[in-house]
Amino acid sequence: MTKANPTPGEGHNAKIRKEIITEVCRDLTFLNTKKDKIAAEISDIKKTRIKDGLGMKISDFNVAMRLYNLEEDTRDEFLSTVRETFDALGVGDQLDWLEADARLTKANTEPDDSAGEKASAEAGPVEAAA
């Protein structure tokens, strides 16, 4: 349909236009079917290997995948923005992974002196020499 030819499907190129529309519809239908099969396969992998296999929430895994797929600079900028936002909102230490890892590493490598601390506590306060 054009201004010169207001009746759809008529005119000098109507046959070609119909063929193009038919081909595009056929191609898109084929690709959508293929896409649906791939989406079902992805969903099955996430359910069996992530949710059932690891006990992880699929939504949590999807966030990790989104971050994984970002370019390094974009990922760093995004994480920085999320940290700043959480800090501003007072959400807590959830995003302080590096510090949490450092605390965990330190806790796992420091010698356990709990027996000495327990003995000191049982002995009571130290009195100053007069």
Protein backbone atom coordinates (compact mmCIF):
# COMPACT_ATOMS: atom_id res chain seq x y z
CA MET A 1 0.00 0.00 0.00
CA THR A 2 1.33 3.40 -0.96
CA LYS A 3 -0.10 6.89 -1.48
CA ALA A 4 -0.10 6.25 -5.21
CA ASN A 5 -1.68 2.81 -4.77
CA PRO A 6 -3.94 2.78 -1.68
CA THR A 7 -5.14 -0.79 -2.27
CA PRO A 8 -2.85 -3.33 -0.49
CA GLY A 9 -1.52 -6.22 -2.55
CA GLU A 10 -1.94 -4.52 -5.91
CA GLY A 11 0.55 -2.75 -8.12
CA HIS A 12 3.68 -3.49 -10.09
CA ASN A 13 5.65 -5.02 -7.17
CA ALA A 14 2.79 -6.66 -5.25
CA LYS A 15 3.88 -10.21 -6.15
CA ILE A 16 7.45 -9.60 -4.97
CA ARG A 17 6.20 -8.02 -1.73
CA LYS A 18 3.94 -11.01 -1.05
CA GLU A 19 6.88 -13.38 -1.64
CA ILE A 20 9.10 -11.39 0.73
CA ILE A 21 6.42 -11.34 3.44
CA THR A 22 5.84 -15.09 3.04
CA GLU A 23 9.58 -15.85 3.18
CA VAL A 24 10.11 -13.65 6.23
CA CYS A 25 7.19 -15.26 8.07
CA ARG A 26 8.50 -18.74 7.21
CA ASP A 27 12.07 -17.84 8.30
CA LEU A 28 10.92 -16.20 11.54
CA THR A 29 8.68 -19.15 12.39
CA PHE A 30 11.60 -21.53 11.85
CA LEU A 31 13.96 -19.39 13.96
CA ASN A 32 11.38 -18.94 16.75
CA THR A 33 10.89 -22.71 16.91
CA LYS A 34 14.66 -23.16 17.09
CA LYS A 35 14.88 -20.43 19.78
CA ASP A 36 12.15 -22.12 21.84
CA LYS A 37 14.01 -25.46 21.69
CA ILE A 38 17.25 -23.77 22.78
CA ALA A 39 15.45 -21.92 25.60
CA ALA A 40 13.97 -25.23 26.82
CA GLU A 41 17.44 -26.82 26.75
CA ILE A 42 18.94 -23.89 28.70
CA SER A 43 16.14 -24.10 31.24
CA ASP A 44 16.67 -27.85 31.67
CA ILE A 45 20.43 -27.39 32.18
CA LYS A 46 19.87 -24.71 34.82
CA LYS A 47 17.25 -26.78 36.64
CA THR A 48 19.16 -30.05 36.70
CA ARG A 49 22.73 -28.82 37.15
CA ILE A 50 22.34 -25.55 39.08
CA LYS A 51 19.13 -25.91 41.11
CA ASP A 52 18.94 -29.68 41.64
CA GLY A 53 22.67 -30.42 41.42
CA LEU A 54 24.08 -27.52 43.42
CA GLY A 55 21.02 -26.37 45.37
CA MET A 56 21.57 -22.83 44.09
CA LYS A 57 18.73 -20.49 43.19
CA ILE A 58 18.47 -20.06 39.44
CA SER A 59 17.90 -16.32 39.88
CA ASP A 60 21.20 -16.05 41.80
CA PHE A 61 22.97 -18.00 39.07
CA ASN A 62 21.42 -15.74 36.41
CA VAL A 63 22.91 -12.70 38.17
CA ALA A 64 26.31 -14.37 38.18
CA MET A 65 25.96 -15.22 34.48
CA ARG A 66 25.02 -11.63 33.71
CA LEU A 67 28.16 -10.44 35.47
CA TYR A 68 30.26 -13.14 33.81
CA ASN A 69 29.11 -12.04 30.37
CA LEU A 70 30.01 -8.37 30.92
CA GLU A 71 33.30 -7.02 29.63
CA GLU A 72 35.87 -6.64 32.42
CA ASP A 73 35.72 -2.81 32.54
CA THR A 74 31.93 -2.83 32.45
CA ARG A 75 31.83 -5.53 35.15
CA ASP A 76 34.15 -3.55 37.43
CA GLU A 77 32.07 -0.40 36.92
CA PHE A 78 28.84 -2.29 37.62
CA LEU A 79 30.19 -3.88 40.81
CA SER A 80 31.50 -0.52 41.97
CA THR A 81 28.06 1.01 41.41
CA VAL A 82 26.35 -1.82 43.30
CA ARG A 83 28.80 -1.49 46.22
CA GLU A 84 28.26 2.28 46.37
CA THR A 85 24.50 1.81 46.29
CA PHE A 86 24.54 -0.80 49.04
CA ASP A 87 26.82 1.42 51.15
CA ALA A 88 24.50 4.39 50.67
CA LEU A 89 21.45 2.33 51.60
CA GLY A 90 23.16 0.77 54.61
CA VAL A 91 22.42 -2.74 53.42
CA GLY A 92 25.45 -4.26 55.09
CA ASP A 93 28.55 -6.22 54.23
CA GLN A 94 27.03 -8.47 51.55
CA LEU A 95 29.08 -6.93 48.78
CA ASP A 96 32.35 -6.60 50.62
CA TRP A 97 33.66 -9.84 49.16
CA LEU A 98 37.33 -8.94 49.23
CA GLU A 99 37.27 -7.95 52.87
CA ALA A 100 35.18 -10.99 53.75
CA ASP A 101 37.64 -13.22 51.90
CA ALA A 102 40.57 -11.55 53.67
CA ARG A 103 38.88 -12.06 57.07
CA LEU A 104 38.18 -15.70 56.24
CA THR A 105 41.73 -16.27 55.02
CA LYS A 106 43.15 -14.59 58.11
CA ALA A 107 40.87 -16.63 60.40
CA ASN A 108 41.95 -19.84 58.69
CA THR A 109 45.67 -19.06 58.89
CA GLU A 110 45.97 -17.58 62.40
CA PRO A 111 46.93 -20.03 65.14
CA ASP A 112 44.12 -21.00 67.48
CA ASP A 113 44.96 -19.43 70.83
CA SER A 114 41.58 -20.11 72.42
CA ALA A 115 43.10 -22.40 75.09
CA GLY A 116 45.44 -19.59 76.27
CA GLU A 117 42.60 -17.07 76.28
CA LYS A 118 40.42 -19.46 78.27
CA ALA A 119 43.17 -19.99 80.89
CA SER A 120 43.68 -16.23 81.19
CA ALA A 121 39.97 -15.67 81.70
CA GLU A 122 39.80 -18.39 84.39
CA ALA A 123 42.80 -16.92 86.24
CA GLY A 124 40.97 -13.65 86.68
CA PRO A 125 42.24 -10.09 86.42
CA VAL A 126 45.87 -9.34 86.91
CA GLU A 127 46.48 -7.16 89.93
CA ALA A 128 48.97 -4.37 89.63
CA ALA A 129 52.05 -4.62 91.79
CA ALA A 130 51.95 -2.24 94.69
